[in-house]
């Protein structure tokens, strides 16, 4: 059995790691977003004819992101439902082993 102190220590260690990594990831995200916005702005200023192509491309990209996200969620659901009988059988076997001993 795991003492509650170990669980709390592990949980706080994981949160500490998330705090450290999250700030770097957020900084990278903000810098990349601002860089892309300035890049698109410069391109549209120099070549205004590209603006409709850019808008259509961004909308298509948004639709693709939504479709991939839905597909991934469905695949995870199907994987979990396929593993469910195996996990149930395993947990029943483990809980029944104490009755045998």
N, C-alpha and C. Protein backbone atom coordinates (compact mmCIF):
# COMPACT_ATOMS: atom_id res chain seq x y z
N UNK A 1 0.84 -1.19 0.00
CA UNK A 1 0.00 0.00 0.00
C UNK A 1 0.88 1.24 0.00
N UNK A 2 0.37 2.27 -0.66
CA UNK A 2 1.13 3.51 -0.78
C UNK A 2 0.67 4.50 0.28
N UNK A 3 1.59 4.99 1.09
CA UNK A 3 1.21 6.00 2.08
C UNK A 3 0.78 7.29 1.41
N UNK A 4 -0.08 8.02 2.08
CA UNK A 4 -0.60 9.26 1.48
C UNK A 4 0.51 10.30 1.30
N UNK A 5 1.54 10.25 2.11
CA UNK A 5 2.66 11.20 1.95
C UNK A 5 3.36 11.03 0.62
N UNK A 6 3.53 9.79 0.19
CA UNK A 6 4.18 9.55 -1.11
C UNK A 6 3.31 10.07 -2.25
N UNK A 7 2.02 9.86 -2.12
CA UNK A 7 1.10 10.33 -3.16
C UNK A 7 1.15 11.85 -3.24
N UNK A 8 1.10 12.52 -2.08
CA UNK A 8 1.14 13.98 -2.07
C UNK A 8 2.48 14.49 -2.62
N UNK A 9 3.58 13.81 -2.27
CA UNK A 9 4.89 14.21 -2.77
C UNK A 9 4.96 14.08 -4.28
N UNK A 10 4.44 12.97 -4.80
CA UNK A 10 4.45 12.76 -6.25
C UNK A 10 3.57 13.78 -6.95
N UNK A 11 2.40 14.05 -6.38
CA UNK A 11 1.46 15.01 -6.96
C UNK A 11 2.07 16.41 -6.97
N UNK A 12 2.68 16.83 -5.88
CA UNK A 12 3.28 18.17 -5.83
C UNK A 12 4.48 18.26 -6.77
N UNK A 13 5.24 17.16 -6.90
CA UNK A 13 6.35 17.16 -7.85
C UNK A 13 5.88 17.31 -9.28
N UNK A 14 4.78 16.63 -9.61
CA UNK A 14 4.22 16.74 -10.96
C UNK A 14 3.71 18.16 -11.22
N UNK A 15 3.06 18.76 -10.22
CA UNK A 15 2.57 20.13 -10.39
C UNK A 15 3.72 21.12 -10.53
N UNK A 16 4.81 20.88 -9.80
CA UNK A 16 5.98 21.74 -9.92
C UNK A 16 6.56 21.66 -11.33
N UNK A 17 6.61 20.46 -11.89
CA UNK A 17 7.13 20.29 -13.24
C UNK A 17 6.22 21.00 -14.25
N UNK A 18 4.91 20.89 -14.05
CA UNK A 18 3.97 21.55 -14.95
C UNK A 18 4.14 23.06 -14.88
N UNK A 19 4.33 23.59 -13.67
CA UNK A 19 4.53 25.03 -13.51
C UNK A 19 5.77 25.50 -14.27
N UNK A 20 6.84 24.72 -14.20
CA UNK A 20 8.08 25.11 -14.88
C UNK A 20 7.92 25.03 -16.40
N UNK A 21 7.35 23.96 -16.89
CA UNK A 21 7.24 23.75 -18.33
C UNK A 21 6.18 24.67 -18.94
N UNK A 22 5.10 24.92 -18.22
CA UNK A 22 3.99 25.72 -18.75
C UNK A 22 4.43 27.13 -19.11
N UNK A 23 5.26 27.75 -18.27
CA UNK A 23 5.68 29.12 -18.55
C UNK A 23 6.50 29.19 -19.84
N UNK A 24 7.37 28.21 -20.06
CA UNK A 24 8.15 28.20 -21.30
C UNK A 24 7.27 27.96 -22.52
N UNK A 25 6.33 27.04 -22.39
CA UNK A 25 5.44 26.75 -23.51
C UNK A 25 4.55 27.94 -23.83
N UNK A 26 4.05 28.63 -22.80
CA UNK A 26 3.22 29.80 -23.02
C UNK A 26 4.02 30.90 -23.71
N UNK A 27 5.25 31.11 -23.27
CA UNK A 27 6.11 32.11 -23.88
C UNK A 27 6.36 31.78 -25.35
N UNK A 28 6.66 30.53 -25.65
CA UNK A 28 6.86 30.11 -27.03
C UNK A 28 5.61 30.32 -27.87
N UNK A 29 4.45 29.98 -27.30
CA UNK A 29 3.19 30.14 -28.02
C UNK A 29 2.93 31.61 -28.35
N UNK A 30 3.13 32.49 -27.38
CA UNK A 30 2.88 33.91 -27.61
C UNK A 30 3.85 34.47 -28.65
N UNK A 31 5.13 34.11 -28.55
CA UNK A 31 6.10 34.59 -29.52
C UNK A 31 5.79 34.11 -30.93
N UNK A 32 5.42 32.84 -31.06
CA UNK A 32 5.11 32.29 -32.38
C UNK A 32 3.86 32.95 -32.96
N UNK A 33 2.85 33.16 -32.12
CA UNK A 33 1.62 33.80 -32.58
C UNK A 33 1.89 35.22 -33.07
N UNK A 34 2.64 35.98 -32.29
CA UNK A 34 2.95 37.35 -32.70
C UNK A 34 3.82 37.38 -33.96
N UNK A 35 4.75 36.43 -34.06
CA UNK A 35 5.59 36.35 -35.25
C UNK A 35 4.75 36.05 -36.49
N UNK A 36 3.83 35.09 -36.39
CA UNK A 36 2.98 34.76 -37.53
C UNK A 36 2.06 35.93 -37.91
N UNK A 37 1.51 36.61 -36.90
CA UNK A 37 0.64 37.76 -37.20
C UNK A 37 1.42 38.86 -37.92
N UNK A 38 2.65 39.13 -37.46
CA UNK A 38 3.44 40.17 -38.14
C UNK A 38 3.85 39.71 -39.54
N UNK A 39 4.15 38.44 -39.70
CA UNK A 39 4.50 37.90 -41.01
C UNK A 39 3.33 38.01 -41.98
N UNK A 40 2.14 37.59 -41.54
CA UNK A 40 0.96 37.69 -42.40
C UNK A 40 0.64 39.14 -42.71
N UNK A 41 0.78 40.02 -41.72
CA UNK A 41 0.53 41.44 -41.95
C UNK A 41 1.47 42.03 -42.98
N UNK A 42 2.74 41.68 -42.89
CA UNK A 42 3.73 42.18 -43.85
C UNK A 42 3.44 41.65 -45.25
N UNK A 43 3.13 40.36 -45.34
CA UNK A 43 2.82 39.78 -46.65
C UNK A 43 1.60 40.45 -47.26
N UNK A 44 0.56 40.65 -46.46
CA UNK A 44 -0.66 41.28 -46.99
C UNK A 44 -0.43 42.74 -47.37
N UNK A 45 0.49 43.41 -46.68
CA UNK A 45 0.80 44.80 -47.02
C UNK A 45 1.56 44.88 -48.34
N UNK A 46 2.49 43.94 -48.53
CA UNK A 46 3.30 43.96 -49.75
C UNK A 46 2.53 43.42 -50.95
N UNK A 47 1.81 42.31 -50.75
CA UNK A 47 1.05 41.68 -51.84
C UNK A 47 -0.42 41.56 -51.39
N UNK A 48 -1.23 42.61 -51.57
CA UNK A 48 -2.61 42.58 -51.08
C UNK A 48 -3.49 41.52 -51.76
N UNK A 49 -3.09 41.06 -52.94
CA UNK A 49 -3.88 40.06 -53.64
C UNK A 49 -3.87 38.71 -52.92
N UNK A 50 -2.93 38.50 -52.02
CA UNK A 50 -2.80 37.22 -51.33
C UNK A 50 -3.79 37.11 -50.16
N UNK A 51 -4.40 38.22 -49.77
CA UNK A 51 -5.30 38.21 -48.61
C UNK A 51 -6.44 37.21 -48.74
N UNK A 52 -7.18 37.15 -49.86
CA UNK A 52 -8.24 36.14 -49.96
C UNK A 52 -7.71 34.71 -49.89
N UNK A 53 -6.56 34.47 -50.49
CA UNK A 53 -5.97 33.13 -50.45
C UNK A 53 -5.59 32.77 -49.01
N UNK A 54 -5.05 33.74 -48.29
CA UNK A 54 -4.65 33.53 -46.91
C UNK A 54 -5.87 33.24 -46.02
N UNK A 55 -6.94 33.98 -46.22
CA UNK A 55 -8.15 33.77 -45.43
C UNK A 55 -8.74 32.39 -45.70
N UNK A 56 -8.84 32.02 -46.97
CA UNK A 56 -9.37 30.70 -47.32
C UNK A 56 -8.49 29.59 -46.75
N UNK A 57 -7.18 29.77 -46.82
CA UNK A 57 -6.26 28.78 -46.28
C UNK A 57 -6.40 28.63 -44.77
N UNK A 58 -6.56 29.73 -44.05
CA UNK A 58 -6.72 29.66 -42.60
C UNK A 58 -8.05 29.01 -42.21
N UNK A 59 -9.11 29.28 -42.97
CA UNK A 59 -10.40 28.65 -42.68
C UNK A 59 -10.31 27.14 -42.94
N UNK A 60 -9.69 26.77 -44.05
CA UNK A 60 -9.51 25.34 -44.35
C UNK A 60 -8.67 24.66 -43.27
N UNK A 61 -7.63 25.33 -42.81
CA UNK A 61 -6.79 24.79 -41.75
C UNK A 61 -7.60 24.58 -40.47
N UNK A 62 -8.49 25.53 -40.16
CA UNK A 62 -9.35 25.39 -38.99
C UNK A 62 -10.26 24.18 -39.09
N UNK A 63 -10.85 23.98 -40.27
CA UNK A 63 -11.71 22.81 -40.47
C UNK A 63 -10.93 21.50 -40.33
N UNK A 64 -9.71 21.49 -40.84
CA UNK A 64 -8.88 20.28 -40.74
C UNK A 64 -8.55 19.99 -39.28
N UNK A 65 -8.22 21.02 -38.52
CA UNK A 65 -7.90 20.83 -37.10
C UNK A 65 -9.10 20.24 -36.36
N UNK A 66 -10.29 20.75 -36.62
CA UNK A 66 -11.49 20.23 -35.96
C UNK A 66 -11.74 18.78 -36.35
N UNK A 67 -11.57 18.45 -37.63
CA UNK A 67 -11.80 17.08 -38.09
C UNK A 67 -10.80 16.11 -37.46
N UNK A 68 -9.54 16.50 -37.39
CA UNK A 68 -8.53 15.62 -36.79
C UNK A 68 -8.80 15.44 -35.30
N UNK A 69 -9.21 16.50 -34.62
CA UNK A 69 -9.50 16.41 -33.19
C UNK A 69 -10.67 15.46 -32.94
N UNK A 70 -11.72 15.57 -33.73
CA UNK A 70 -12.86 14.66 -33.57
C UNK A 70 -12.46 13.21 -33.85
N UNK A 71 -11.64 13.01 -34.87
CA UNK A 71 -11.19 11.66 -35.20
C UNK A 71 -10.35 11.07 -34.07
N UNK A 72 -9.46 11.87 -33.51
CA UNK A 72 -8.63 11.39 -32.40
C UNK A 72 -9.48 11.03 -31.19
N UNK A 73 -10.47 11.86 -30.87
CA UNK A 73 -11.35 11.55 -29.74
C UNK A 73 -12.11 10.25 -29.96
N UNK A 74 -12.61 10.06 -31.18
CA UNK A 74 -13.35 8.83 -31.49
C UNK A 74 -12.44 7.61 -31.40
N UNK A 75 -11.21 7.74 -31.88
CA UNK A 75 -10.26 6.62 -31.80
C UNK A 75 -9.94 6.28 -30.35
N UNK A 76 -9.79 7.29 -29.50
CA UNK A 76 -9.54 7.03 -28.08
C UNK A 76 -10.74 6.34 -27.43
N UNK A 77 -11.94 6.78 -27.78
CA UNK A 77 -13.15 6.13 -27.23
C UNK A 77 -13.20 4.66 -27.62
N UNK A 78 -12.93 4.38 -28.89
CA UNK A 78 -12.97 2.99 -29.36
C UNK A 78 -11.87 2.15 -28.73
N UNK A 79 -10.69 2.73 -28.54
CA UNK A 79 -9.61 2.00 -27.88
C UNK A 79 -9.96 1.69 -26.43
N UNK A 80 -10.54 2.67 -25.74
CA UNK A 80 -10.94 2.45 -24.35
C UNK A 80 -12.05 1.41 -24.23
N UNK A 81 -13.00 1.43 -25.14
CA UNK A 81 -14.08 0.44 -25.08
C UNK A 81 -13.57 -0.95 -25.44
N UNK A 82 -12.55 -1.02 -26.30
CA UNK A 82 -11.97 -2.32 -26.64
C UNK A 82 -11.16 -2.89 -25.47
N UNK A 83 -10.53 -2.02 -24.70
CA UNK A 83 -9.74 -2.47 -23.55
C UNK A 83 -10.57 -2.70 -22.30
N UNK A 84 -11.78 -2.21 -22.28
CA UNK A 84 -12.61 -2.30 -21.08
C UNK A 84 -12.83 -3.74 -20.61
N UNK A 85 -13.19 -4.70 -21.47
CA UNK A 85 -13.37 -6.07 -20.97
C UNK A 85 -12.08 -6.66 -20.40
N UNK A 86 -10.96 -6.35 -21.02
CA UNK A 86 -9.68 -6.85 -20.53
C UNK A 86 -9.37 -6.29 -19.15
N UNK A 87 -9.58 -4.99 -18.97
CA UNK A 87 -9.30 -4.37 -17.68
C UNK A 87 -10.25 -4.88 -16.60
N UNK A 88 -11.51 -5.09 -16.95
CA UNK A 88 -12.47 -5.64 -16.00
C UNK A 88 -12.06 -7.05 -15.58
N UNK A 89 -11.68 -7.87 -16.54
CA UNK A 89 -11.25 -9.23 -16.25
C UNK A 89 -10.01 -9.23 -15.36
N UNK A 90 -9.07 -8.35 -15.64
CA UNK A 90 -7.85 -8.25 -14.85
C UNK A 90 -8.15 -7.82 -13.42
N UNK A 91 -8.99 -6.80 -13.25
CA UNK A 91 -9.31 -6.33 -11.90
C UNK A 91 -10.09 -7.37 -11.11
N UNK A 92 -10.98 -8.12 -11.77
CA UNK A 92 -11.71 -9.19 -11.09
C UNK A 92 -10.76 -10.32 -10.68
N UNK A 93 -9.78 -10.61 -11.51
CA UNK A 93 -8.81 -11.66 -11.18
C UNK A 93 -7.96 -11.24 -9.97
N UNK A 94 -7.53 -9.98 -9.96
CA UNK A 94 -6.72 -9.49 -8.85
C UNK A 94 -7.52 -9.48 -7.56
N UNK A 95 -8.77 -9.02 -7.62
CA UNK A 95 -9.58 -8.96 -6.40
C UNK A 95 -9.98 -10.36 -5.94
N UNK A 96 -10.07 -11.31 -6.85
CA UNK A 96 -10.42 -12.68 -6.48
C UNK A 96 -9.24 -13.48 -5.95
N UNK A 97 -8.02 -13.02 -6.21
CA UNK A 97 -6.84 -13.77 -5.76
C UNK A 97 -6.73 -13.79 -4.24
N UNK A 98 -7.26 -12.77 -3.57
CA UNK A 98 -7.22 -12.77 -2.10
C UNK A 98 -8.17 -13.82 -1.54
N UNK A 99 -9.23 -14.14 -2.23
CA UNK A 99 -10.16 -15.16 -1.77
C UNK A 99 -9.55 -16.55 -1.90
N UNK A 100 -8.69 -16.74 -2.90
CA UNK A 100 -8.07 -18.05 -3.10
C UNK A 100 -7.04 -18.32 -2.02
N UNK A 101 -6.31 -17.32 -1.63
CA UNK A 101 -5.27 -17.50 -0.61
C UNK A 101 -5.93 -17.62 0.70
